[in-house]
Amino acid sequence: MPNSVGVVIVAAGRGTRMGTAESKQYLLLQGKPIIVHTLEVFQRHPLISEIVLVTGEEDVERCQEWIITYKLGKVAAVVAGGSERQHSVYRGLGNLGTTWVMVHDGVRPFVQEKEITACYERAREIGASVLAVPVKDTIKQVNTEGKVLSTPDRRSLWAIQTPQTFRLSELLNAYKEAERDGFLGTDDSSLAERSGIPVAVVEGSYGNIKITTPEDLDFAEFTQRNRGEVQT
């Protein structure tokens, strides 16, 4: 299908900021692993035909069990990630057969259906898109000694979120170029930009948080309760 859309959901990290023995993506939110909440958003979305979940090698089996338990039929593969996020995404891309691909953080369970749709539509218009929000705080550029160098105009600054959307073939080429040159980017769009792919920003919501700290988890519990989406 010429406009088929797949998703690579990245959940291979083992962040330490949460302060728990369990990886953040597998902590329970309203009785269900965070990663399952995230997968369900894309499972429900009518645009999405295929999902690839990238996780730690030691977590593949339990994730496969959750796919069955929670009836996540769009998940085509659960694959083990690499040492860096970029390597993990690259492995995920190789397991997709769609024309378009979205790359999404496994610990962003509150992305909305309309945001996913908007990202896809903007990518079709421009070439690629990233979900983002305007920066609310004043930002200072500081040197290694802690001295302020400049104060950028925050009207030009956006905090980048996910999903990020690309033509699969173009993103794969960008990844191949990065691997060839030994380039490690901060996100997928940085590889696309480097490869000459035009990338547009789609305004998202401040509620599309990345759950990385205990405070984030508290906020996520509050958000989930207020949404009235508790599922058992």
C-alpha atoms as a PDB file:
ATOM      1  CA  MET A   1       0.000   0.000   0.000  1.00  0.00           C
ATOM      2  CA  PRO A   2       1.514   3.369  -1.067  1.00  0.00           C
ATOM      3  CA  ASN A   3       0.521   5.213   2.092  1.00  0.00           C
ATOM      4  CA  SER A   4       0.827   2.440   4.662  1.00  0.00           C
ATOM      5  CA  VAL A   5       2.113   3.625   8.031  1.00  0.00           C
ATOM      6  CA  GLY A   6       4.177   1.623  10.500  1.00  0.00           C
ATOM      7  CA  VAL A   7       5.585   2.511  13.901  1.00  0.00           C
ATOM      8  CA  VAL A   8       8.852   1.692  15.613  1.00  0.00           C
ATOM      9  CA  ILE A   9       8.318   1.994  19.359  1.00  0.00           C
ATOM     10  CA  VAL A  10      11.608   2.196  21.213  1.00  0.00           C
ATOM     11  CA  ALA A  11      11.729   0.723  24.709  1.00  0.00           C
ATOM     12  CA  ALA A  12      15.244  -0.684  24.949  1.00  0.00           C
ATOM     13  CA  GLY A  13      16.672   1.805  27.431  1.00  0.00           C
ATOM     14  CA  ARG A  14      17.528   1.066  31.033  1.00  0.00           C
ATOM     15  CA  GLY A  15      17.432   4.592  32.464  1.00  0.00           C
ATOM     16  CA  THR A  16      18.536   5.121  36.065  1.00  0.00           C
ATOM     17  CA  ARG A  17      16.700   8.363  36.844  1.00  0.00           C
ATOM     18  CA  MET A  18      13.581   6.502  37.954  1.00  0.00           C
ATOM     19  CA  GLY A  19      15.530   4.995  40.846  1.00  0.00           C
ATOM     20  CA  THR A  20      13.871   1.580  40.513  1.00  0.00           C
ATOM     21  CA  ALA A  21      15.248  -1.873  39.776  1.00  0.00           C
ATOM     22  CA  GLU A  22      12.648  -2.261  37.020  1.00  0.00           C
ATOM     23  CA  SER A  23      13.095  -0.342  33.760  1.00  0.00           C
ATOM     24  CA  LYS A  24      10.758   2.655  33.526  1.00  0.00           C
ATOM     25  CA  GLN A  25       8.867   1.356  30.481  1.00  0.00           C
ATOM     26  CA  TYR A  26       7.740  -1.723  32.415  1.00  0.00           C
ATOM     27  CA  LEU A  27       6.565   0.032  35.573  1.00  0.00           C
ATOM     28  CA  LEU A  28       2.835  -0.179  36.162  1.00  0.00           C
ATOM     29  CA  LEU A  29       0.535   2.714  35.356  1.00  0.00           C
ATOM     30  CA  GLN A  30      -2.990   2.059  36.613  1.00  0.00           C
ATOM     31  CA  GLY A  31      -2.125  -1.635  36.874  1.00  0.00           C
ATOM     32  CA  LYS A  32      -0.705  -1.986  33.352  1.00  0.00           C
ATOM     33  CA  PRO A  33       2.897  -1.636  32.071  1.00  0.00           C
ATOM     34  CA  ILE A  34       3.611   1.810  30.645  1.00  0.00           C
ATOM     35  CA  ILE A  35       4.796   0.278  27.382  1.00  0.00           C
ATOM     36  CA  VAL A  36       1.426  -1.452  26.941  1.00  0.00           C
ATOM     37  CA  HIS A  37      -0.411   1.874  27.306  1.00  0.00           C
ATOM     38  CA  THR A  38       1.832   3.303  24.586  1.00  0.00           C
ATOM     39  CA  LEU A  39       1.317   0.334  22.268  1.00  0.00           C
ATOM     40  CA  GLU A  40      -2.448   0.549  22.716  1.00  0.00           C
ATOM     41  CA  VAL A  41      -2.532   4.136  21.417  1.00  0.00           C
ATOM     42  CA  PHE A  42      -1.096   3.007  18.081  1.00  0.00           C
ATOM     43  CA  GLN A  43      -3.062  -0.251  18.092  1.00  0.00           C
ATOM     44  CA  ARG A  44      -6.269   1.824  18.174  1.00  0.00           C
ATOM     45  CA  HIS A  45      -5.221   4.341  15.518  1.00  0.00           C
ATOM     46  CA  PRO A  46      -6.814   3.606  12.113  1.00  0.00           C
ATOM     47  CA  LEU A  47      -3.795   4.891  10.157  1.00  0.00           C
ATOM     48  CA  ILE A  48      -1.383   2.404  11.689  1.00  0.00           C
ATOM     49  CA  SER A  49      -1.051  -0.984  10.031  1.00  0.00           C
ATOM     50  CA  GLU A  50       2.113  -2.362  11.618  1.00  0.00           C
ATOM     51  CA  ILE A  51       4.074  -1.917  14.848  1.00  0.00           C
ATOM     52  CA  VAL A  52       7.600  -3.029  15.703  1.00  0.00           C
ATOM     53  CA  LEU A  53       8.588  -2.941  19.365  1.00  0.00           C
ATOM     54  CA  VAL A  54      12.299  -2.651  20.148  1.00  0.00           C
ATOM     55  CA  THR A  55      13.257  -3.690  23.662  1.00  0.00           C
ATOM     56  CA  GLY A  56      16.126  -5.088  25.681  1.00  0.00           C
ATOM     57  CA  GLU A  57      17.178  -8.612  24.753  1.00  0.00           C
ATOM     58  CA  GLU A  58      16.258  -9.857  28.220  1.00  0.00           C
ATOM     59  CA  ASP A  59      12.767  -8.353  27.907  1.00  0.00           C
ATOM     60  CA  VAL A  60      11.724  -9.711  24.513  1.00  0.00           C
ATOM     61  CA  GLU A  61       9.927 -12.753  25.913  1.00  0.00           C
ATOM     62  CA  ARG A  62       7.751 -10.938  28.429  1.00  0.00           C
ATOM     63  CA  CYS A  63       6.887  -8.272  25.862  1.00  0.00           C
ATOM     64  CA  GLN A  64       5.782 -10.999  23.462  1.00  0.00           C
ATOM     65  CA  GLU A  65       3.551 -12.372  26.211  1.00  0.00           C
ATOM     66  CA  TRP A  66       1.990  -8.924  26.772  1.00  0.00           C
ATOM     67  CA  ILE A  67       1.299  -8.653  23.033  1.00  0.00           C
ATOM     68  CA  ILE A  68      -0.880 -11.748  23.367  1.00  0.00           C
ATOM     69  CA  THR A  69      -2.408 -10.838  26.744  1.00  0.00           C
ATOM     70  CA  TYR A  70      -3.465  -7.341  25.667  1.00  0.00           C
ATOM     71  CA  LYS A  71      -4.458  -8.376  22.128  1.00  0.00           C
ATOM     72  CA  LEU A  72      -2.014  -6.062  20.358  1.00  0.00           C
ATOM     73  CA  GLY A  73      -2.489  -7.617  16.942  1.00  0.00           C
ATOM     74  CA  LYS A  74      -0.719  -4.874  14.970  1.00  0.00           C
ATOM     75  CA  VAL A  75       2.623  -5.714  16.582  1.00  0.00           C
ATOM     76  CA  ALA A  76       4.480  -7.559  13.830  1.00  0.00           C
ATOM     77  CA  ALA A  77       7.743  -8.070  15.704  1.00  0.00           C
ATOM     78  CA  VAL A  78       9.471  -7.628  19.052  1.00  0.00           C
ATOM     79  CA  VAL A  79      13.199  -7.198  18.472  1.00  0.00           C
ATOM     80  CA  ALA A  80      16.213  -6.710  20.711  1.00  0.00           C
ATOM     81  CA  GLY A  81      17.780  -3.263  20.598  1.00  0.00           C
ATOM     82  CA  GLY A  82      21.384  -2.135  20.412  1.00  0.00           C
ATOM     83  CA  SER A  83      23.765  -0.296  22.707  1.00  0.00           C
ATOM     84  CA  GLU A  84      22.453   3.144  21.686  1.00  0.00           C
ATOM     85  CA  ARG A  85      18.937   4.354  20.888  1.00  0.00           C
ATOM     86  CA  GLN A  86      20.009   5.025  17.310  1.00  0.00           C
ATOM     87  CA  HIS A  87      21.111   1.416  16.880  1.00  0.00           C
ATOM     88  CA  SER A  88      17.829   0.203  18.375  1.00  0.00           C
ATOM     89  CA  VAL A  89      15.729   2.273  15.966  1.00  0.00           C
ATOM     90  CA  TYR A  90      17.806   1.042  13.019  1.00  0.00           C
ATOM     91  CA  ARG A  91      17.065  -2.563  13.964  1.00  0.00           C
ATOM     92  CA  GLY A  92      13.380  -1.752  14.245  1.00  0.00           C
ATOM     93  CA  LEU A  93      13.258  -0.082  10.833  1.00  0.00           C
ATOM     94  CA  GLY A  94      14.596  -3.235   9.238  1.00  0.00           C
ATOM     95  CA  ASN A  95      11.532  -5.148  10.415  1.00  0.00           C
ATOM     96  CA  LEU A  96       8.940  -2.846   8.830  1.00  0.00           C
ATOM     97  CA  GLY A  97       7.356  -3.204   5.406  1.00  0.00           C
ATOM     98  CA  THR A  98       5.366   0.039   5.227  1.00  0.00           C
ATOM     99  CA  THR A  99       5.882   3.172   3.106  1.00  0.00           C
ATOM    100  CA  TRP A 100       5.870   5.566   6.046  1.00  0.00           C
ATOM    101  CA  VAL A 101       7.304   5.126   9.526  1.00  0.00           C
ATOM    102  CA  MET A 102       6.764   6.838  12.834  1.00  0.00           C
ATOM    103  CA  VAL A 103       9.359   6.510  15.573  1.00  0.00           C
ATOM    104  CA  HIS A 104       7.974   6.884  19.087  1.00  0.00           C
ATOM    105  CA  ASP A 105       9.307   6.670  22.635  1.00  0.00           C
ATOM    106  CA  GLY A 106       7.917   3.730  24.577  1.00  0.00           C
ATOM    107  CA  VAL A 107       7.491   5.919  27.671  1.00  0.00           C
ATOM    108  CA  ARG A 108       5.222   8.509  26.018  1.00  0.00           C
ATOM    109  CA  PRO A 109       1.804   6.887  26.592  1.00  0.00           C
ATOM    110  CA  PHE A 110      -0.237  10.108  26.379  1.00  0.00           C
ATOM    111  CA  VAL A 111       0.245  11.028  22.734  1.00  0.00           C
ATOM    112  CA  GLN A 112      -3.176  11.734  21.224  1.00  0.00           C
ATOM    113  CA  GLU A 113      -4.761  10.272  18.112  1.00  0.00           C
ATOM    114  CA  LYS A 114      -5.148  13.716  16.517  1.00  0.00           C
ATOM    115  CA  GLU A 115      -1.423  14.404  17.051  1.00  0.00           C
ATOM    116  CA  ILE A 116      -0.454  11.161  15.331  1.00  0.00           C
ATOM    117  CA  THR A 117      -2.736  12.031  12.405  1.00  0.00           C
ATOM    118  CA  ALA A 118      -1.344  15.561  12.160  1.00  0.00           C
ATOM    119  CA  CYS A 119       2.234  14.264  12.109  1.00  0.00           C
ATOM    120  CA  TYR A 120       1.460  11.906   9.255  1.00  0.00           C
ATOM    121  CA  GLU A 121      -0.371  14.531   7.204  1.00  0.00           C
ATOM    122  CA  ARG A 122       2.409  17.095   7.663  1.00  0.00           C
ATOM    123  CA  ALA A 123       5.083  14.553   6.723  1.00  0.00           C
ATOM    124  CA  ARG A 124       3.232  13.792   3.497  1.00  0.00           C
ATOM    125  CA  GLU A 125       3.203  17.517   2.680  1.00  0.00           C
ATOM    126  CA  ILE A 126       6.816  18.353   3.603  1.00  0.00           C
ATOM    127  CA  GLY A 127       8.808  15.106   3.680  1.00  0.00           C
ATOM    128  CA  ALA A 128       9.122  14.501   7.417  1.00  0.00           C
ATOM    129  CA  SER A 129       7.657  15.831  10.660  1.00  0.00           C
ATOM    130  CA  VAL A 130       8.288  15.927  14.393  1.00  0.00           C
ATOM    131  CA  LEU A 131       5.836  16.527  17.198  1.00  0.00           C
ATOM    132  CA  ALA A 132       6.975  19.391  19.427  1.00  0.00           C
ATOM    133  CA  VAL A 133       5.859  22.129  21.814  1.00  0.00           C
ATOM    134  CA  PRO A 134       7.034  25.747  22.113  1.00  0.00           C
ATOM    135  CA  VAL A 135       9.546  26.276  24.909  1.00  0.00           C
ATOM    136  CA  LYS A 136       7.879  28.090  27.825  1.00  0.00           C
ATOM    137  CA  ASP A 137      10.985  28.932  29.843  1.00  0.00           C
ATOM    138  CA  THR A 138      13.747  31.400  29.078  1.00  0.00           C
ATOM    139  CA  ILE A 139      16.749  29.467  27.769  1.00  0.00           C
ATOM    140  CA  LYS A 140      20.380  30.438  28.368  1.00  0.00           C
ATOM    141  CA  GLN A 141      23.350  29.190  26.372  1.00  0.00           C
ATOM    142  CA  VAL A 142      26.141  28.541  28.892  1.00  0.00           C
ATOM    143  CA  ASN A 143      29.815  27.631  28.470  1.00  0.00           C
ATOM    144  CA  THR A 144      31.716  24.936  30.379  1.00  0.00           C
ATOM    145  CA  GLU A 145      32.574  27.399  33.146  1.00  0.00           C
ATOM    146  CA  GLY A 146      28.925  28.218  33.746  1.00  0.00           C
ATOM    147  CA  LYS A 147      29.104  31.650  32.143  1.00  0.00           C
ATOM    148  CA  VAL A 148      26.067  32.776  30.154  1.00  0.00           C
ATOM    149  CA  LEU A 149      26.966  33.265  26.487  1.00  0.00           C
ATOM    150  CA  SER A 150      23.592  34.255  25.067  1.00  0.00           C
ATOM    151  CA  THR A 151      19.820  34.220  25.526  1.00  0.00           C
ATOM    152  CA  PRO A 152      18.158  32.781  22.405  1.00  0.00           C
ATOM    153  CA  ASP A 153      14.767  34.109  21.384  1.00  0.00           C
ATOM    154  CA  ARG A 154      12.467  31.452  22.794  1.00  0.00           C
ATOM    155  CA  ARG A 155       9.937  32.098  20.021  1.00  0.00           C
ATOM    156  CA  SER A 156      12.286  30.115  17.778  1.00  0.00           C
ATOM    157  CA  LEU A 157      12.798  27.258  20.250  1.00  0.00           C
ATOM    158  CA  TRP A 158      10.729  24.097  20.404  1.00  0.00           C
ATOM    159  CA  ALA A 159      11.011  21.072  22.703  1.00  0.00           C
ATOM    160  CA  ILE A 160      10.964  18.003  20.474  1.00  0.00           C
ATOM    161  CA  GLN A 161       8.729  15.039  21.272  1.00  0.00           C
ATOM    162  CA  THR A 162       7.664  11.923  19.416  1.00  0.00           C
ATOM    163  CA  PRO A 163       6.316  10.560  17.153  1.00  0.00           C
ATOM    164  CA  GLN A 164       8.629  11.631  14.365  1.00  0.00           C
ATOM    165  CA  THR A 165       7.455  10.658  10.884  1.00  0.00           C
ATOM    166  CA  PHE A 166       9.388   9.858   7.693  1.00  0.00           C
ATOM    167  CA  ARG A 167       9.283   7.904   4.465  1.00  0.00           C
ATOM    168  CA  LEU A 168      10.771   4.585   5.528  1.00  0.00           C
ATOM    169  CA  SER A 169      13.155   4.371   2.561  1.00  0.00           C
ATOM    170  CA  GLU A 170      14.486   7.890   3.188  1.00  0.00           C
ATOM    171  CA  LEU A 171      14.999   7.336   6.907  1.00  0.00           C
ATOM    172  CA  LEU A 172      16.799   4.052   6.220  1.00  0.00           C
ATOM    173  CA  ASN A 173      19.133   5.895   3.851  1.00  0.00           C
ATOM    174  CA  ALA A 174      19.769   8.540   6.517  1.00  0.00           C
ATOM    175  CA  TYR A 175      20.619   5.797   9.004  1.00  0.00           C
ATOM    176  CA  LYS A 176      22.971   4.126   6.529  1.00  0.00           C
ATOM    177  CA  GLU A 177      24.770   7.432   5.951  1.00  0.00           C
ATOM    178  CA  ALA A 178      25.080   8.019   9.699  1.00  0.00           C
ATOM    179  CA  GLU A 179      26.476   4.531  10.235  1.00  0.00           C
ATOM    180  CA  ARG A 180      28.954   4.993   7.399  1.00  0.00           C
ATOM    181  CA  ASP A 181      30.165   8.305   8.845  1.00  0.00           C
ATOM    182  CA  GLY A 182      30.127   7.241  12.502  1.00  0.00           C
ATOM    183  CA  PHE A 183      27.559   9.945  13.286  1.00  0.00           C
ATOM    184  CA  LEU A 184      25.434   9.590  16.427  1.00  0.00           C
ATOM    185  CA  GLY A 185      22.423  11.913  16.419  1.00  0.00           C
ATOM    186  CA  THR A 186      20.270  13.150  19.269  1.00  0.00           C
ATOM    187  CA  ASP A 187      17.055  11.976  17.598  1.00  0.00           C
ATOM    188  CA  ASP A 188      15.808  10.571  14.300  1.00  0.00           C
ATOM    189  CA  SER A 189      15.112  13.958  12.763  1.00  0.00           C
ATOM    190  CA  SER A 190      18.743  14.999  13.278  1.00  0.00           C
ATOM    191  CA  LEU A 191      19.761  12.145  10.973  1.00  0.00           C
ATOM    192  CA  ALA A 192      17.067  13.134   8.477  1.00  0.00           C
ATOM    193  CA  GLU A 193      18.144  16.797   8.539  1.00  0.00           C
ATOM    194  CA  ARG A 194      21.765  15.742   8.007  1.00  0.00           C
ATOM    195  CA  SER A 195      20.650  13.722   4.994  1.00  0.00           C
ATOM    196  CA  GLY A 196      18.850  16.703   3.449  1.00  0.00           C
ATOM    197  CA  ILE A 197      15.294  15.637   4.248  1.00  0.00           C
ATOM    198  CA  PRO A 198      13.056  18.643   5.043  1.00  0.00           C
ATOM    199  CA  VAL A 199      11.505  18.315   8.506  1.00  0.00           C
ATOM    200  CA  ALA A 200       8.479  20.271   9.754  1.00  0.00           C
ATOM    201  CA  VAL A 201       7.343  20.818  13.327  1.00  0.00           C
ATOM    202  CA  VAL A 202       3.810  19.818  14.337  1.00  0.00           C
ATOM    203  CA  GLU A 203       2.576  21.444  17.528  1.00  0.00           C
ATOM    204  CA  GLY A 204       1.708  18.848  20.142  1.00  0.00           C
ATOM    205  CA  SER A 205       0.662  19.070  23.775  1.00  0.00           C
ATOM    206  CA  TYR A 206       2.557  19.527  27.024  1.00  0.00           C
ATOM    207  CA  GLY A 207       0.755  16.457  28.348  1.00  0.00           C
ATOM    208  CA  ASN A 208       2.707  14.185  25.974  1.00  0.00           C
ATOM    209  CA  ILE A 209       5.356  13.661  28.633  1.00  0.00           C
ATOM    210  CA  LYS A 210       8.258  11.240  28.578  1.00  0.00           C
ATOM    211  CA  ILE A 211       8.092   9.284  31.841  1.00  0.00           C
ATOM    212  CA  THR A 212      11.663   9.244  33.150  1.00  0.00           C
ATOM    213  CA  THR A 213      11.500  10.260  36.840  1.00  0.00           C
ATOM    214  CA  PRO A 214       9.335   9.379  39.880  1.00  0.00           C
ATOM    215  CA  GLU A 215       7.694  12.815  39.535  1.00  0.00           C
ATOM    216  CA  ASP A 216       6.754  12.000  35.949  1.00  0.00           C
ATOM    217  CA  LEU A 217       5.168   8.760  37.085  1.00  0.00           C
ATOM    218  CA  ASP A 218       3.120  10.613  39.699  1.00  0.00           C
ATOM    219  CA  PHE A 219       1.929  13.043  37.030  1.00  0.00           C
ATOM    220  CA  ALA A 220       1.148  10.138  34.706  1.00  0.00           C
ATOM    221  CA  GLU A 221      -1.018   8.476  37.364  1.00  0.00           C
ATOM    222  CA  PHE A 222      -2.866  11.763  37.872  1.00  0.00           C
ATOM    223  CA  THR A 223      -3.330  12.228  34.120  1.00  0.00           C
ATOM    224  CA  GLN A 224      -4.569   8.689  33.590  1.00  0.00           C
ATOM    225  CA  ARG A 225      -7.108   8.974  36.391  1.00  0.00           C
ATOM    226  CA  ASN A 226      -8.414  12.281  35.067  1.00  0.00           C
ATOM    227  CA  ARG A 227      -8.800  10.856  31.600  1.00  0.00           C
ATOM    228  CA  GLY A 228     -11.069   8.163  32.942  1.00  0.00           C
ATOM    229  CA  GLU A 229      -9.269   5.574  30.864  1.00  0.00           C
ATOM    230  CA  VAL A 230      -8.560   3.029  33.556  1.00  0.00           C
ATOM    231  CA  GLN A 231      -8.731  -0.399  31.922  1.00  0.00           C
ATOM    232  CA  THR A 232      -8.609  -3.746  33.655  1.00  0.00           C
END
